[in-house]
Amino acid sequence: YLDRGWISISELEDLDTYLYQPYKRMGGNSTGDRLYAE
């Protein structure tokens, strides 16, 4: 998505719900946080 330069609202919602939040709950590291912030 960063390479593409944009993200759709539904892509962002899906990524947050099904990947980022579960990753964080499992103890994911700051690399994921940094990329998500971008």
Full PDB file with SEQRES, HELIX, SHEET, SSBOND, CRYST1, ORIGX, SCALE, CONECT and MASTER records, all heavy atoms in Angstrom:
SEQRES   1 A   38  TYR LEU ASP ARG GLY TRP ILE SER ILE SER GLU LEU GLU          
SEQRES   2 A   38  ASP LEU ASP THR TYR LEU TYR GLN PRO TYR LYS ARG MET          
SEQRES   3 A   38  GLY GLY ASN SER THR GLY ASP ARG LEU TYR ALA GLU              
HELIX    1 AA1 ILE A    9  LEU A   15  1                                   7    
HELIX    2 AA2 ASP A   16  TYR A   20  3                                   5    
HELIX    3 AA3 GLN A   21  ARG A   25  1                                   5    
HELIX    4 AA4 SER A   30  ALA A   37  1                                   8    
CRYST1    1.000    1.000    1.000  90.00  90.00  90.00 P 1           1          
ORIGX1      1.000000  0.000000  0.000000        0.00000                         
ORIGX2      0.000000  1.000000  0.000000        0.00000                         
ORIGX3      0.000000  0.000000  1.000000        0.00000                         
SCALE1      1.000000  0.000000  0.000000        0.00000                         
SCALE2      0.000000  1.000000  0.000000        0.00000                         
SCALE3      0.000000  0.000000  1.000000        0.00000                         
ATOM      1  N   TYR A   1       0.835  -1.207   0.000  1.00  0.00           N  
ATOM      2  CA  TYR A   1       0.000   0.000   0.000  1.00  0.00           C  
ATOM      3  C   TYR A   1       0.866   1.252   0.000  1.00  0.00           C  
ATOM      4  O   TYR A   1       0.551   2.228  -0.685  1.00  0.00           O  
ATOM      5  CB  TYR A   1      -0.939   0.016   1.209  1.00  0.00           C  
ATOM      6  CG  TYR A   1      -1.989  -1.073   1.190  1.00  0.00           C  
ATOM      7  CD1 TYR A   1      -2.229  -1.857   2.315  1.00  0.00           C  
ATOM      8  CD2 TYR A   1      -2.758  -1.323   0.064  1.00  0.00           C  
ATOM      9  CE1 TYR A   1      -3.200  -2.840   2.315  1.00  0.00           C  
ATOM     10  CE2 TYR A   1      -3.722  -2.313   0.051  1.00  0.00           C  
ATOM     11  CZ  TYR A   1      -3.940  -3.058   1.177  1.00  0.00           C  
ATOM     12  OH  TYR A   1      -4.897  -4.040   1.172  1.00  0.00           O  
ATOM     13  N   LEU A   2       1.954   1.243   0.763  1.00  0.00           N  
ATOM     14  CA  LEU A   2       2.855   2.401   0.766  1.00  0.00           C  
ATOM     15  C   LEU A   2       3.448   2.625  -0.616  1.00  0.00           C  
ATOM     16  O   LEU A   2       3.540   3.771  -1.080  1.00  0.00           O  
ATOM     17  CB  LEU A   2       3.970   2.205   1.795  1.00  0.00           C  
ATOM     18  CG  LEU A   2       3.544   2.225   3.266  1.00  0.00           C  
ATOM     19  CD1 LEU A   2       4.728   1.855   4.160  1.00  0.00           C  
ATOM     20  CD2 LEU A   2       2.957   3.567   3.659  1.00  0.00           C  
ATOM     21  N   ASP A   3       3.834   1.558  -1.283  1.00  0.00           N  
ATOM     22  CA  ASP A   3       4.372   1.680  -2.643  1.00  0.00           C  
ATOM     23  C   ASP A   3       3.324   2.222  -3.605  1.00  0.00           C  
ATOM     24  O   ASP A   3       3.642   2.996  -4.504  1.00  0.00           O  
ATOM     25  CB  ASP A   3       4.887   0.333  -3.150  1.00  0.00           C  
ATOM     26  CG  ASP A   3       6.134  -0.147  -2.426  1.00  0.00           C  
ATOM     27  OD1 ASP A   3       6.788   0.669  -1.738  1.00  0.00           O  
ATOM     28  OD2 ASP A   3       6.445  -1.358  -2.533  1.00  0.00           O  
ATOM     29  N   ARG A   4       2.072   1.801  -3.411  1.00  0.00           N  
ATOM     30  CA  ARG A   4       0.979   2.264  -4.278  1.00  0.00           C  
ATOM     31  C   ARG A   4       0.674   3.733  -4.025  1.00  0.00           C  
ATOM     32  O   ARG A   4       0.270   4.453  -4.929  1.00  0.00           O  
ATOM     33  CB  ARG A   4      -0.250   1.392  -4.043  1.00  0.00           C  
ATOM     34  CG  ARG A   4      -1.426   1.736  -4.941  1.00  0.00           C  
ATOM     35  CD  ARG A   4      -2.531   0.729  -4.846  1.00  0.00           C  
ATOM     36  NE  ARG A   4      -3.287   0.907  -3.602  1.00  0.00           N  
ATOM     37  CZ  ARG A   4      -4.309   0.146  -3.261  1.00  0.00           C  
ATOM     38  NH1 ARG A   4      -4.683  -0.866  -4.036  1.00  0.00           N  
ATOM     39  NH2 ARG A   4      -4.950   0.350  -2.134  1.00  0.00           N  
ATOM     40  N   GLY A   5       0.816   4.171  -2.786  1.00  0.00           N  
ATOM     41  CA  GLY A   5       0.626   5.580  -2.471  1.00  0.00           C  
ATOM     42  C   GLY A   5      -0.756   5.948  -1.964  1.00  0.00           C  
ATOM     43  O   GLY A   5      -1.014   7.124  -1.698  1.00  0.00           O  
ATOM     44  N   TRP A   6      -1.648   5.008  -1.819  1.00  0.00           N  
ATOM     45  CA  TRP A   6      -2.974   5.264  -1.262  1.00  0.00           C  
ATOM     46  C   TRP A   6      -3.568   3.947  -0.789  1.00  0.00           C  
ATOM     47  O   TRP A   6      -3.060   2.887  -1.122  1.00  0.00           O  
ATOM     48  CB  TRP A   6      -3.912   5.936  -2.278  1.00  0.00           C  
ATOM     49  CG  TRP A   6      -4.234   5.106  -3.491  1.00  0.00           C  
ATOM     50  CD1 TRP A   6      -3.500   5.044  -4.647  1.00  0.00           C  
ATOM     51  CD2 TRP A   6      -5.342   4.222  -3.679  1.00  0.00           C  
ATOM     52  NE1 TRP A   6      -4.087   4.174  -5.531  1.00  0.00           N  
ATOM     53  CE2 TRP A   6      -5.237   3.655  -4.964  1.00  0.00           C  
ATOM     54  CE3 TRP A   6      -6.415   3.849  -2.884  1.00  0.00           C  
ATOM     55  CZ2 TRP A   6      -6.155   2.745  -5.461  1.00  0.00           C  
ATOM     56  CZ3 TRP A   6      -7.343   2.941  -3.388  1.00  0.00           C  
ATOM     57  CH2 TRP A   6      -7.204   2.417  -4.669  1.00  0.00           C  
ATOM     58  N   ILE A   7      -4.622   4.051   0.011  1.00  0.00           N  
ATOM     59  CA  ILE A   7      -5.320   2.870   0.499  1.00  0.00           C  
ATOM     60  C   ILE A   7      -6.811   3.178   0.538  1.00  0.00           C  
ATOM     61  O   ILE A   7      -7.206   4.304   0.858  1.00  0.00           O  
ATOM     62  CB  ILE A   7      -4.799   2.438   1.891  1.00  0.00           C  
ATOM     63  CG1 ILE A   7      -5.390   1.095   2.292  1.00  0.00           C  
ATOM     64  CG2 ILE A   7      -5.033   3.506   2.931  1.00  0.00           C  
ATOM     65  CD1 ILE A   7      -4.709   0.440   3.473  1.00  0.00           C  
ATOM     66  N   SER A   8      -7.626   2.204   0.174  1.00  0.00           N  
ATOM     67  CA  SER A   8      -9.072   2.417   0.258  1.00  0.00           C  
ATOM     68  C   SER A   8      -9.498   2.303   1.718  1.00  0.00           C  
ATOM     69  O   SER A   8      -8.802   1.697   2.551  1.00  0.00           O  
ATOM     70  CB  SER A   8      -9.832   1.408  -0.603  1.00  0.00           C  
ATOM     71  OG  SER A   8      -9.836   0.134   0.003  1.00  0.00           O  
ATOM     72  N   ILE A   9     -10.626   2.869   2.010  1.00  0.00           N  
ATOM     73  CA  ILE A   9     -11.137   2.830   3.377  1.00  0.00           C  
ATOM     74  C   ILE A   9     -11.383   1.388   3.809  1.00  0.00           C  
ATOM     75  O   ILE A   9     -11.011   0.993   4.922  1.00  0.00           O  
ATOM     76  CB  ILE A   9     -12.418   3.683   3.476  1.00  0.00           C  
ATOM     77  CG1 ILE A   9     -12.060   5.150   3.253  1.00  0.00           C  
ATOM     78  CG2 ILE A   9     -13.102   3.481   4.830  1.00  0.00           C  
ATOM     79  CD1 ILE A   9     -13.247   6.053   3.004  1.00  0.00           C  
ATOM     80  N   SER A  10     -11.964   0.569   2.943  1.00  0.00           N  
ATOM     81  CA  SER A  10     -12.243  -0.818   3.321  1.00  0.00           C  
ATOM     82  C   SER A  10     -10.949  -1.628   3.477  1.00  0.00           C  
ATOM     83  O   SER A  10     -10.867  -2.501   4.341  1.00  0.00           O  
ATOM     84  CB  SER A  10     -13.191  -1.499   2.340  1.00  0.00           C  
ATOM     85  OG  SER A  10     -12.616  -1.598   1.068  1.00  0.00           O  
ATOM     86  N   GLU A  11      -9.920  -1.341   2.673  1.00  0.00           N  
ATOM     87  CA  GLU A  11      -8.639  -2.023   2.832  1.00  0.00           C  
ATOM     88  C   GLU A  11      -8.026  -1.695   4.193  1.00  0.00           C  
ATOM     89  O   GLU A  11      -7.501  -2.569   4.879  1.00  0.00           O  
ATOM     90  CB  GLU A  11      -7.670  -1.625   1.719  1.00  0.00           C  
ATOM     91  CG  GLU A  11      -8.018  -2.211   0.382  1.00  0.00           C  
ATOM     92  CD  GLU A  11      -7.222  -1.601  -0.766  1.00  0.00           C  
ATOM     93  OE1 GLU A  11      -6.741  -0.446  -0.646  1.00  0.00           O  
ATOM     94  OE2 GLU A  11      -7.113  -2.276  -1.798  1.00  0.00           O  
ATOM     95  N   LEU A  12      -8.090  -0.414   4.576  1.00  0.00           N  
ATOM     96  CA  LEU A  12      -7.551   0.007   5.862  1.00  0.00           C  
ATOM     97  C   LEU A  12      -8.316  -0.640   7.013  1.00  0.00           C  
ATOM     98  O   LEU A  12      -7.717  -1.143   7.961  1.00  0.00           O  
ATOM     99  CB  LEU A  12      -7.575   1.528   5.990  1.00  0.00           C  
ATOM    100  CG  LEU A  12      -7.012   2.099   7.290  1.00  0.00           C  
ATOM    101  CD1 LEU A  12      -5.563   1.679   7.492  1.00  0.00           C  
ATOM    102  CD2 LEU A  12      -7.150   3.607   7.299  1.00  0.00           C  
ATOM    103  N   GLU A  13      -9.638  -0.653   6.915  1.00  0.00           N  
ATOM    104  CA  GLU A  13     -10.448  -1.270   7.967  1.00  0.00           C  
ATOM    105  C   GLU A  13     -10.144  -2.764   8.091  1.00  0.00           C  
ATOM    106  O   GLU A  13     -10.008  -3.280   9.197  1.00  0.00           O  
ATOM    107  CB  GLU A  13     -11.928  -1.050   7.693  1.00  0.00           C  
ATOM    108  CG  GLU A  13     -12.363   0.389   7.904  1.00  0.00           C  
ATOM    109  CD  GLU A  13     -13.784   0.663   7.445  1.00  0.00           C  
ATOM    110  OE1 GLU A  13     -14.406  -0.213   6.794  1.00  0.00           O  
ATOM    111  OE2 GLU A  13     -14.276   1.765   7.732  1.00  0.00           O  
ATOM    112  N   ASP A  14     -10.047  -3.463   6.963  1.00  0.00           N  
ATOM    113  CA  ASP A  14      -9.734  -4.894   6.986  1.00  0.00           C  
ATOM    114  C   ASP A  14      -8.352  -5.157   7.573  1.00  0.00           C  
ATOM    115  O   ASP A  14      -8.178  -6.052   8.401  1.00  0.00           O  
ATOM    116  CB  ASP A  14      -9.801  -5.498   5.578  1.00  0.00           C  
ATOM    117  CG  ASP A  14     -11.217  -5.705   5.082  1.00  0.00           C  
ATOM    118  OD1 ASP A  14     -12.175  -5.532   5.873  1.00  0.00           O  
ATOM    119  OD2 ASP A  14     -11.371  -6.033   3.897  1.00  0.00           O  
ATOM    120  N   LEU A  15      -7.371  -4.386   7.134  1.00  0.00           N  
ATOM    121  CA  LEU A  15      -6.015  -4.581   7.636  1.00  0.00           C  
ATOM    122  C   LEU A  15      -5.960  -4.339   9.139  1.00  0.00           C  
ATOM    123  O   LEU A  15      -5.349  -5.110   9.877  1.00  0.00           O  
ATOM    124  CB  LEU A  15      -5.040  -3.655   6.905  1.00  0.00           C  
ATOM    125  CG  LEU A  15      -3.585  -3.932   7.244  1.00  0.00           C  
ATOM    126  CD1 LEU A  15      -2.756  -4.062   5.985  1.00  0.00           C  
ATOM    127  CD2 LEU A  15      -3.035  -2.865   8.146  1.00  0.00           C  
ATOM    128  N   ASP A  16      -6.633  -3.292   9.591  1.00  0.00           N  
ATOM    129  CA  ASP A  16      -6.645  -2.987  11.023  1.00  0.00           C  
ATOM    130  C   ASP A  16      -7.332  -4.094  11.817  1.00  0.00           C  
ATOM    131  O   ASP A  16      -6.780  -4.586  12.803  1.00  0.00           O  
ATOM    132  CB  ASP A  16      -7.346  -1.653  11.269  1.00  0.00           C  
ATOM    133  CG  ASP A  16      -7.322  -1.270  12.727  1.00  0.00           C  
ATOM    134  OD1 ASP A  16      -6.224  -1.007  13.252  1.00  0.00           O  
ATOM    135  OD2 ASP A  16      -8.397  -1.251  13.355  1.00  0.00           O  
ATOM    136  N   THR A  17      -8.501  -4.520  11.388  1.00  0.00           N  
ATOM    137  CA  THR A  17      -9.301  -5.504  12.121  1.00  0.00           C  
ATOM    138  C   THR A  17      -8.693  -6.895  12.111  1.00  0.00           C  
ATOM    139  O   THR A  17      -8.635  -7.564  13.157  1.00  0.00           O  
ATOM    140  CB  THR A  17     -10.724  -5.573  11.537  1.00  0.00           C  
ATOM    141  OG1 THR A  17     -11.325  -4.284  11.644  1.00  0.00           O  
ATOM    142  CG2 THR A  17     -11.579  -6.595  12.257  1.00  0.00           C  
ATOM    143  N   TYR A  18      -8.243  -7.339  10.947  1.00  0.00           N  
ATOM    144  CA  TYR A  18      -7.848  -8.743  10.796  1.00  0.00           C  
ATOM    145  C   TYR A  18      -6.343  -9.005  10.869  1.00  0.00           C  
ATOM    146  O   TYR A  18      -5.932 -10.151  11.025  1.00  0.00           O  
ATOM    147  CB  TYR A  18      -8.394  -9.305   9.481  1.00  0.00           C  
ATOM    148  CG  TYR A  18      -9.898  -9.235   9.437  1.00  0.00           C  
ATOM    149  CD1 TYR A  18     -10.545  -8.390   8.547  1.00  0.00           C  
ATOM    150  CD2 TYR A  18     -10.665  -9.982  10.316  1.00  0.00           C  
ATOM    151  CE1 TYR A  18     -11.929  -8.311   8.518  1.00  0.00           C  
ATOM    152  CE2 TYR A  18     -12.044  -9.910  10.297  1.00  0.00           C  
ATOM    153  CZ  TYR A  18     -12.678  -9.071   9.401  1.00  0.00           C  
ATOM    154  OH  TYR A  18     -14.041  -8.985   9.383  1.00  0.00           O  
ATOM    155  N   LEU A  19      -5.527  -7.962  10.770  1.00  0.00           N  
ATOM    156  CA  LEU A  19      -4.078  -8.167  10.840  1.00  0.00           C  
ATOM    157  C   LEU A  19      -3.418  -7.349  11.952  1.00  0.00           C  
ATOM    158  O   LEU A  19      -2.761  -7.897  12.824  1.00  0.00           O  
ATOM    159  CB  LEU A  19      -3.411  -7.853   9.501  1.00  0.00           C  
ATOM    160  CG  LEU A  19      -3.671  -8.836   8.377  1.00  0.00           C  
ATOM    161  CD1 LEU A  19      -3.061  -8.335   7.072  1.00  0.00           C  
ATOM    162  CD2 LEU A  19      -3.114 -10.198   8.724  1.00  0.00           C  
ATOM    163  N   TYR A  20      -3.577  -6.022  11.899  1.00  0.00           N  
ATOM    164  CA  TYR A  20      -2.830  -5.177  12.830  1.00  0.00           C  
ATOM    165  C   TYR A  20      -3.256  -5.390  14.289  1.00  0.00           C  
ATOM    166  O   TYR A  20      -2.402  -5.590  15.159  1.00  0.00           O  
ATOM    167  CB  TYR A  20      -2.950  -3.702  12.447  1.00  0.00           C  
ATOM    168  CG  TYR A  20      -2.174  -2.809  13.371  1.00  0.00           C  
ATOM    169  CD1 TYR A  20      -0.784  -2.845  13.395  1.00  0.00           C  
ATOM    170  CD2 TYR A  20      -2.825  -1.942  14.238  1.00  0.00           C  
ATOM    171  CE1 TYR A  20      -0.058  -2.041  14.253  1.00  0.00           C  
ATOM    172  CE2 TYR A  20      -2.111  -1.133  15.100  1.00  0.00           C  
ATOM    173  CZ  TYR A  20      -0.732  -1.180  15.112  1.00  0.00           C  
ATOM    174  OH  TYR A  20      -0.023  -0.388  15.963  1.00  0.00           O  
ATOM    175  N   GLN A  21      -4.542  -5.321  14.578  1.00  0.00           N  
ATOM    176  CA  GLN A  21      -4.994  -5.472  15.964  1.00  0.00           C  
ATOM    177  C   GLN A  21      -4.661  -6.857  16.534  1.00  0.00           C  
ATOM    178  O   GLN A  21      -4.148  -6.945  17.659  1.00  0.00           O  
ATOM    179  CB  GLN A  21      -6.490  -5.154  16.089  1.00  0.00           C  
ATOM    180  CG  GLN A  21      -6.828  -3.697  15.838  1.00  0.00           C  
ATOM    181  CD  GLN A  21      -6.056  -2.736  16.734  1.00  0.00           C  
ATOM    182  OE1 GLN A  21      -5.799  -3.008  17.906  1.00  0.00           O  
ATOM    183  NE2 GLN A  21      -5.689  -1.592  16.176  1.00  0.00           N  
ATOM    184  N   PRO A  22      -4.915  -7.956  15.793  1.00  0.00           N  
ATOM    185  CA  PRO A  22      -4.505  -9.263  16.325  1.00  0.00           C  
ATOM    186  C   PRO A  22      -2.986  -9.364  16.528  1.00  0.00           C  
ATOM    187  O   PRO A  22      -2.517  -9.947  17.512  1.00  0.00           O  
ATOM    188  CB  PRO A  22      -4.991 -10.254  15.270  1.00  0.00           C  
ATOM    189  CG  PRO A  22      -6.120  -9.567  14.591  1.00  0.00           C  
ATOM    190  CD  PRO A  22      -5.738  -8.118  14.588  1.00  0.00           C  
ATOM    191  N   TYR A  23      -2.228  -8.786  15.605  1.00  0.00           N  
ATOM    192  CA  TYR A  23      -0.771  -8.779  15.727  1.00  0.00           C  
ATOM    193  C   TYR A  23      -0.348  -8.065  17.020  1.00  0.00           C  
ATOM    194  O   TYR A  23       0.509  -8.539  17.760  1.00  0.00           O  
ATOM    195  CB  TYR A  23      -0.177  -8.093  14.493  1.00  0.00           C  
ATOM    196  CG  TYR A  23       1.307  -7.883  14.529  1.00  0.00           C  
ATOM    197  CD1 TYR A  23       2.189  -8.954  14.341  1.00  0.00           C  
ATOM    198  CD2 TYR A  23       1.841  -6.623  14.739  1.00  0.00           C  
ATOM    199  CE1 TYR A  23       3.565  -8.758  14.377  1.00  0.00           C  
ATOM    200  CE2 TYR A  23       3.208  -6.418  14.761  1.00  0.00           C  
ATOM    201  CZ  TYR A  23       4.064  -7.485  14.579  1.00  0.00           C  
ATOM    202  OH  TYR A  23       5.416  -7.292  14.612  1.00  0.00           O  
ATOM    203  N   LYS A  24      -0.954  -6.913  17.291  1.00  0.00           N  
ATOM    204  CA  LYS A  24      -0.647  -6.172  18.516  1.00  0.00           C  
ATOM    205  C   LYS A  24      -1.010  -6.979  19.752  1.00  0.00           C  
ATOM    206  O   LYS A  24      -0.248  -7.028  20.715  1.00  0.00           O  
ATOM    207  CB  LYS A  24      -1.397  -4.833  18.542  1.00  0.00           C  
ATOM    208  CG  LYS A  24      -0.881  -3.807  17.579  1.00  0.00           C  
ATOM    209  CD  LYS A  24       0.500  -3.357  17.926  1.00  0.00           C  
ATOM    210  CE  LYS A  24       0.480  -2.616  19.256  1.00  0.00           C  
ATOM    211  NZ  LYS A  24       1.806  -2.234  19.726  1.00  0.00           N  
ATOM    212  N   ARG A  25      -2.187  -7.616  19.744  1.00  0.00           N  
ATOM    213  CA  ARG A  25      -2.613  -8.399  20.905  1.00  0.00           C  
ATOM    214  C   ARG A  25      -1.682  -9.579  21.171  1.00  0.00           C  
ATOM    215  O   ARG A  25      -1.534 -10.012  22.305  1.00  0.00           O  
ATOM    216  CB  ARG A  25      -4.048  -8.893  20.716  1.00  0.00           C  
ATOM    217  CG  ARG A  25      -5.085  -7.800  20.931  1.00  0.00           C  
ATOM    218  CD  ARG A  25      -6.485  -8.350  21.034  1.00  0.00           C  
ATOM    219  NE  ARG A  25      -6.931  -9.052  19.854  1.00  0.00           N  
ATOM    220  CZ  ARG A  25      -7.528  -8.491  18.811  1.00  0.00           C  
ATOM    221  NH1 ARG A  25      -7.752  -7.192  18.792  1.00  0.00           N  
ATOM    222  NH2 ARG A  25      -7.921  -9.224  17.785  1.00  0.00           N  
ATOM    223  N   MET A  26      -1.036 -10.089  20.132  1.00  0.00           N  
ATOM    224  CA  MET A  26      -0.109 -11.210  20.302  1.00  0.00           C  
ATOM    225  C   MET A  26       1.279 -10.742  20.742  1.00  0.00           C  
ATOM    226  O   MET A  26       2.174 -11.553  20.935  1.00  0.00           O  
ATOM    227  CB  MET A  26       0.009 -12.007  19.000  1.00  0.00           C  
ATOM    228  CG  MET A  26      -1.226 -12.800  18.668  1.00  0.00           C  
ATOM    229  SD  MET A  26      -0.998 -13.795  17.192  1.00  0.00           S  
ATOM    230  CE  MET A  26       0.060 -15.092  17.829  1.00  0.00           C  
ATOM    231  N   GLY A  27       1.472  -9.441  20.864  1.00  0.00           N  
ATOM    232  CA  GLY A  27       2.757  -8.921  21.316  1.00  0.00           C  
ATOM    233  C   GLY A  27       3.657  -8.446  20.197  1.00  0.00           C  
ATOM    234  O   GLY A  27       4.873  -8.400  20.360  1.00  0.00           O  
ATOM    235  N   GLY A  28       3.058  -8.095  19.058  1.00  0.00           N  
ATOM    236  CA  GLY A  28       3.836  -7.611  17.916  1.00  0.00           C  
ATOM    237  C   GLY A  28       4.747  -6.455  18.276  1.00  0.00           C  
ATOM    238  O   GLY A  28       4.502  -5.721  19.235  1.00  0.00           O  
ATOM    239  N   ASN A  29       5.793  -6.287  17.497  1.00  0.00           N  
ATOM    240  CA  ASN A  29       6.834  -5.317  17.848  1.00  0.00           C  
ATOM    241  C   ASN A  29       6.631  -3.949  17.211  1.00  0.00           C  
ATOM    242  O   ASN A  29       5.647  -3.690  16.533  1.00  0.00           O  
ATOM    243  CB  ASN A  29       8.215  -5.866  17.484  1.00  0.00           C  
ATOM    244  CG  ASN A  29       8.397  -6.029  15.991  1.00  0.00           C  
ATOM    245  OD1 ASN A  29       7.657  -5.493  15.186  1.00  0.00           O  
ATOM    246  ND2 ASN A  29       9.403  -6.784  15.615  1.00  0.00           N  
ATOM    247  N   SER A  30       7.601  -3.093  17.441  1.00  0.00           N  
ATOM    248  CA  SER A  30       7.503  -1.708  16.982  1.00  0.00           C  
ATOM    249  C   SER A  30       7.634  -1.566  15.468  1.00  0.00           C  
ATOM    250  O   SER A  30       7.236  -0.543  14.919  1.00  0.00           O  
ATOM    251  CB  SER A  30       8.552  -0.850  17.678  1.00  0.00           C  
ATOM    252  OG  SER A  30       9.854  -1.320  17.368  1.00  0.00           O  
ATOM    253  N   THR A  31       8.165  -2.564  14.783  1.00  0.00           N  
ATOM    254  CA  THR A  31       8.240  -2.483  13.326  1.00  0.00           C  
ATOM    255  C   THR A  31       6.831  -2.392  12.739  1.00  0.00           C  
ATOM    256  O   THR A  31       6.556  -1.560  11.874  1.00  0.00           O  
ATOM    257  CB  THR A  31       8.957  -3.716  12.728  1.00  0.00           C  
ATOM    258  OG1 THR A  31      10.244  -3.809  13.308  1.00  0.00           O  
ATOM    259  CG2 THR A  31       9.073  -3.605  11.227  1.00  0.00           C  
ATOM    260  N   GLY A  32       5.938  -3.233  13.214  1.00  0.00           N  
ATOM    261  CA  GLY A  32       4.549  -3.184  12.761  1.00  0.00           C  
ATOM    262  C   GLY A  32       3.897  -1.854  13.100  1.00  0.00           C  
ATOM    263  O   GLY A  32       3.171  -1.279  12.292  1.00  0.00           O  
ATOM    264  N   ASP A  33       4.171  -1.343  14.298  1.00  0.00           N  
ATOM    265  CA  ASP A  33       3.623  -0.046  14.704  1.00  0.00           C  
ATOM    266  C   ASP A  33       4.117   1.075  13.800  1.00  0.00           C  
ATOM    267  O   ASP A  33       3.344   1.937  13.381  1.00  0.00           O  
ATOM    268  CB  ASP A  33       4.022   0.286  16.141  1.00  0.00           C  
ATOM    269  CG  ASP A  33       3.392  -0.633  17.164  1.00  0.00           C  
ATOM    270  OD1 ASP A  33       2.312  -1.201  16.889  1.00  0.00           O  
ATOM    271  OD2 ASP A  33       3.988  -0.771  18.246  1.00  0.00           O  
ATOM    272  N   ARG A  34       5.400   1.056  13.514  1.00  0.00           N  
ATOM    273  CA  ARG A  34       5.994   2.110  12.684  1.00  0.00           C  
ATOM    274  C   ARG A  34       5.414   2.104  11.279  1.00  0.00           C  
ATOM    275  O   ARG A  34       5.036   3.147  10.732  1.00  0.00           O  
ATOM    276  CB  ARG A  34       7.516   1.937  12.637  1.00  0.00           C  
ATOM    277  CG  ARG A  34       8.243   3.095  12.028  1.00  0.00           C  
ATOM    278  CD  ARG A  34       9.756   3.026  12.199  1.00  0.00           C  
ATOM    279  NE  ARG A  34      10.331   1.764  12.620  1.00  0.00           N  
ATOM    280  CZ  ARG A  34      10.726   0.791  11.782  1.00  0.00           C  
ATOM    281  NH1 ARG A  34      10.596   0.944  10.493  1.00  0.00           N  
ATOM    282  NH2 ARG A  34      11.259  -0.322  12.246  1.00  0.00           N  
ATOM    283  N   LEU A  35       5.312   0.911  10.684  1.00  0.00           N  
ATOM    284  CA  LEU A  35       4.742   0.811   9.345  1.00  0.00           C  
ATOM    285  C   LEU A  35       3.272   1.202   9.333  1.00  0.00           C  
ATOM    286  O   LEU A  35       2.812   1.891   8.423  1.00  0.00           O  
ATOM    287  CB  LEU A  35       4.922  -0.603   8.794  1.00  0.00           C  
ATOM    288  CG  LEU A  35       6.322  -0.966   8.341  1.00  0.00           C  
ATOM    289  CD1 LEU A  35       6.407  -2.453   8.024  1.00  0.00           C  
ATOM    290  CD2 LEU A  35       6.727  -0.143   7.129  1.00  0.00           C  
ATOM    291  N   TYR A  36       2.527   0.769  10.345  1.00  0.00           N  
ATOM    292  CA  TYR A  36       1.107   1.107  10.418  1.00  0.00           C  
ATOM    293  C   TYR A  36       0.919   2.621  10.550  1.00  0.00           C  
ATOM    294  O   TYR A  36       0.023   3.193   9.935  1.00  0.00           O  
ATOM    295  CB  TYR A  36       0.447   0.378  11.585  1.00  0.00           C  
ATOM    296  CG  TYR A  36      -1.047   0.533  11.592  1.00  0.00           C  
ATOM    297  CD1 TYR A  36      -1.851  -0.241  10.756  1.00  0.00           C  
ATOM    298  CD2 TYR A  36      -1.666   1.458  12.425  1.00  0.00           C  
ATOM    299  CE1 TYR A  36      -3.218  -0.100  10.758  1.00  0.00           C  
ATOM    300  CE2 TYR A  36      -3.039   1.602  12.427  1.00  0.00           C  
ATOM    301  CZ  TYR A  36      -3.813   0.824  11.592  1.00  0.00           C  
ATOM    302  OH  TYR A  36      -5.180   0.976  11.590  1.00  0.00           O  
ATOM    303  N   ALA A  37       1.777   3.268  11.330  1.00  0.00           N  
ATOM    304  CA  ALA A  37       1.703   4.726  11.481  1.00  0.00           C  
ATOM    305  C   ALA A  37       1.917   5.424  10.138  1.00  0.00           C  
ATOM    306  O   ALA A  37       1.265   6.436   9.844  1.00  0.00           O  
ATOM    307  CB  ALA A  37       2.726   5.208  12.504  1.00  0.00           C  
ATOM    308  N   GLU A  38       2.800   4.890   9.307  1.00  0.00           N  
ATOM    309  CA  GLU A  38       3.006   5.449   7.965  1.00  0.00           C  
ATOM    310  C   GLU A  38       1.806   5.174   7.074  1.00  0.00           C  
ATOM    311  O   GLU A  38       1.402   6.013   6.273  1.00  0.00           O  
ATOM    312  CB  GLU A  38       4.274   4.877   7.332  1.00  0.00           C  
ATOM    313  CG  GLU A  38       5.551   5.338   7.989  1.00  0.00           C  
ATOM    314  CD  GLU A  38       5.694   6.857   7.965  1.00  0.00           C  
ATOM    315  OE1 GLU A  38       5.487   7.459   6.889  1.00  0.00           O  
ATOM    316  OE2 GLU A  38       5.998   7.432   9.025  1.00  0.00           O  
TER     317      GLU A  38                                                      
MASTER        0    0    0    4    0    0    0    6  316    1    0    3          
END                                                                             
